[in-house]
C-alpha atoms as a PDB file:
ATOM      1  CA  MET A   1     112.904  27.058 102.379  1.00  0.00           C
ATOM      2  CA  GLN A   2     110.232  24.739 103.721  1.00  0.00           C
ATOM      3  CA  GLN A   3     106.684  25.371 104.793  1.00  0.00           C
ATOM      4  CA  PHE A   4     104.471  23.161 106.971  1.00  0.00           C
ATOM      5  CA  GLU A   5     100.912  23.361 108.222  1.00  0.00           C
ATOM      6  CA  ASP A   6      99.583  21.396 111.179  1.00  0.00           C
ATOM      7  CA  GLU A   7      96.015  20.195 111.772  1.00  0.00           C
ATOM      8  CA  ASP A   8      95.165  23.393 113.722  1.00  0.00           C
ATOM      9  CA  GLY A   9      96.151  25.625 110.784  1.00  0.00           C
ATOM     10  CA  ARG A  10      99.411  26.834 112.301  1.00  0.00           C
ATOM     11  CA  LEU A  11     101.981  27.538 109.614  1.00  0.00           C
ATOM     12  CA  GLU A  12     105.700  27.023 110.067  1.00  0.00           C
ATOM     13  CA  TYR A  13     108.151  28.474 107.593  1.00  0.00           C
ATOM     14  CA  VAL A  14     111.780  27.384 107.814  1.00  0.00           C
ATOM     15  CA  GLU A  15     114.636  29.236 106.156  1.00  0.00           C
ATOM     16  CA  LYS A  16     118.301  28.266 105.999  1.00  0.00           C
ATOM     17  CA  ILE A  17     120.606  31.234 106.486  1.00  0.00           C
ATOM     18  CA  SER A  18     123.969  30.629 104.851  1.00  0.00           C
ATOM     19  CA  HIS A  19     125.100  34.224 104.307  1.00  0.00           C
ATOM     20  CA  PHE A  20     125.099  35.400 107.914  1.00  0.00           C
ATOM     21  CA  ARG A  21     128.798  35.128 108.905  1.00  0.00           C
ATOM     22  CA  LEU A  22     128.227  35.112 112.670  1.00  0.00           C
ATOM     23  CA  PHE A  23     125.939  32.109 112.535  1.00  0.00           C
ATOM     24  CA  PRO A  24     126.735  30.188 109.331  1.00  0.00           C
ATOM     25  CA  ASN A  25     124.232  27.534 108.234  1.00  0.00           C
ATOM     26  CA  SER A  26     121.674  28.520 110.855  1.00  0.00           C
ATOM     27  CA  LEU A  27     117.954  27.943 110.590  1.00  0.00           C
ATOM     28  CA  LEU A  28     115.259  30.542 111.089  1.00  0.00           C
ATOM     29  CA  PHE A  29     111.812  29.229 112.032  1.00  0.00           C
ATOM     30  CA  TYR A  30     108.711  31.399 111.689  1.00  0.00           C
ATOM     31  CA  GLY A  31     105.529  30.129 113.397  1.00  0.00           C
ATOM     32  CA  ILE A  32     102.330  31.828 112.228  1.00  0.00           C
ATOM     33  CA  GLU A  33      98.953  31.174 113.786  1.00  0.00           C
ATOM     34  CA  ALA A  34      95.657  32.990 113.442  1.00  0.00           C
ATOM     35  CA  VAL A  35      94.378  34.888 116.496  1.00  0.00           C
ATOM     36  CA  THR A  36      91.410  36.623 114.857  1.00  0.00           C
ATOM     37  CA  LEU A  37      90.240  37.095 111.291  1.00  0.00           C
ATOM     38  CA  ASP A  38      92.490  40.203 111.033  1.00  0.00           C
ATOM     39  CA  ALA A  39      95.434  39.265 113.247  1.00  0.00           C
ATOM     40  CA  CYS A  40      98.005  36.530 113.715  1.00  0.00           C
ATOM     41  CA  LEU A  41     100.721  35.634 116.164  1.00  0.00           C
ATOM     42  CA  VAL A  42     104.223  35.334 114.702  1.00  0.00           C
ATOM     43  CA  THR A  43     107.007  33.584 116.618  1.00  0.00           C
ATOM     44  CA  ILE A  44     110.614  33.467 115.469  1.00  0.00           C
ATOM     45  CA  GLU A  45     113.218  30.961 116.560  1.00  0.00           C
ATOM     46  CA  LEU A  46     116.846  30.963 115.446  1.00  0.00           C
ATOM     47  CA  ARG A  47     118.729  27.676 115.682  1.00  0.00           C
ATOM     48  CA  TYR A  48     122.464  27.773 115.176  1.00  0.00           C
ATOM     49  CA  GLY A  49     125.616  25.865 115.990  1.00  0.00           C
ATOM     50  CA  HIS A  50     127.741  28.880 116.947  1.00  0.00           C
ATOM     51  CA  ILE A  51     130.107  28.775 119.897  1.00  0.00           C
ATOM     52  CA  ALA A  52     130.123  32.137 121.668  1.00  0.00           C
ATOM     53  CA  SER A  53     133.309  34.057 122.161  1.00  0.00           C
ATOM     54  CA  PRO A  54     134.786  34.161 125.675  1.00  0.00           C
ATOM     55  CA  SER A  55     134.929  37.982 125.376  1.00  0.00           C
ATOM     56  CA  ARG A  56     131.856  39.763 126.799  1.00  0.00           C
ATOM     57  CA  LEU A  57     132.443  42.648 124.373  1.00  0.00           C
ATOM     58  CA  VAL A  58     132.460  40.318 121.341  1.00  0.00           C
ATOM     59  CA  ARG A  59     129.335  38.504 122.583  1.00  0.00           C
ATOM     60  CA  PHE A  60     127.611  41.881 123.066  1.00  0.00           C
ATOM     61  CA  GLY A  61     128.466  42.856 119.472  1.00  0.00           C
ATOM     62  CA  GLN A  62     127.259  39.511 118.188  1.00  0.00           C
ATOM     63  CA  LEU A  63     123.930  39.868 119.960  1.00  0.00           C
ATOM     64  CA  ARG A  64     123.482  43.418 118.607  1.00  0.00           C
ATOM     65  CA  ARG A  65     124.110  42.187 115.050  1.00  0.00           C
ATOM     66  CA  LEU A  66     121.706  39.311 115.643  1.00  0.00           C
ATOM     67  CA  HIS A  67     118.979  41.689 116.892  1.00  0.00           C
ATOM     68  CA  ARG A  68     119.461  43.927 113.816  1.00  0.00           C
ATOM     69  CA  PHE A  69     119.330  40.889 111.539  1.00  0.00           C
ATOM     70  CA  LEU A  70     116.125  39.581 113.075  1.00  0.00           C
ATOM     71  CA  GLY A  71     114.631  43.065 113.080  1.00  0.00           C
ATOM     72  CA  ARG A  72     115.247  43.355 109.315  1.00  0.00           C
ATOM     73  CA  SER A  73     113.709  39.913 108.828  1.00  0.00           C
ATOM     74  CA  LEU A  74     110.562  40.998 110.701  1.00  0.00           C
ATOM     75  CA  HIS A  75     110.438  44.253 108.720  1.00  0.00           C
ATOM     76  CA  ASN A  76     110.678  42.284 105.437  1.00  0.00           C
ATOM     77  CA  LEU A  77     107.968  39.915 106.621  1.00  0.00           C
ATOM     78  CA  ALA A  78     105.687  42.844 107.476  1.00  0.00           C
ATOM     79  CA  GLU A  79     106.231  44.321 104.008  1.00  0.00           C
ATOM     80  CA  LEU A  80     105.200  40.996 102.441  1.00  0.00           C
ATOM     81  CA  VAL A  81     102.056  40.896 104.501  1.00  0.00           C
ATOM     82  CA  GLU A  82     101.143  44.519 103.558  1.00  0.00           C
ATOM     83  CA  LYS A  83     101.432  43.671  99.856  1.00  0.00           C
ATOM     84  CA  ARG A  84      98.793  40.940 100.128  1.00  0.00           C
END
């Protein structure tokens, strides 16, 4: 886990994901920047070195699992924010 802040106050949080079998050793980047005093913009970027399967059905399944994984990550992030 690493956290950075630029001169404009934008935070970037980087997390290495080693337990996600589809995309081993991938990196998940969260960008957080204030929009108003009560709201912020969160961007998520997943960087990975996975080679997609030639099968469309397998790729479809991989993308569904990836969407569920990222959805859970966002849900967990929202819970952290609510506790503050």
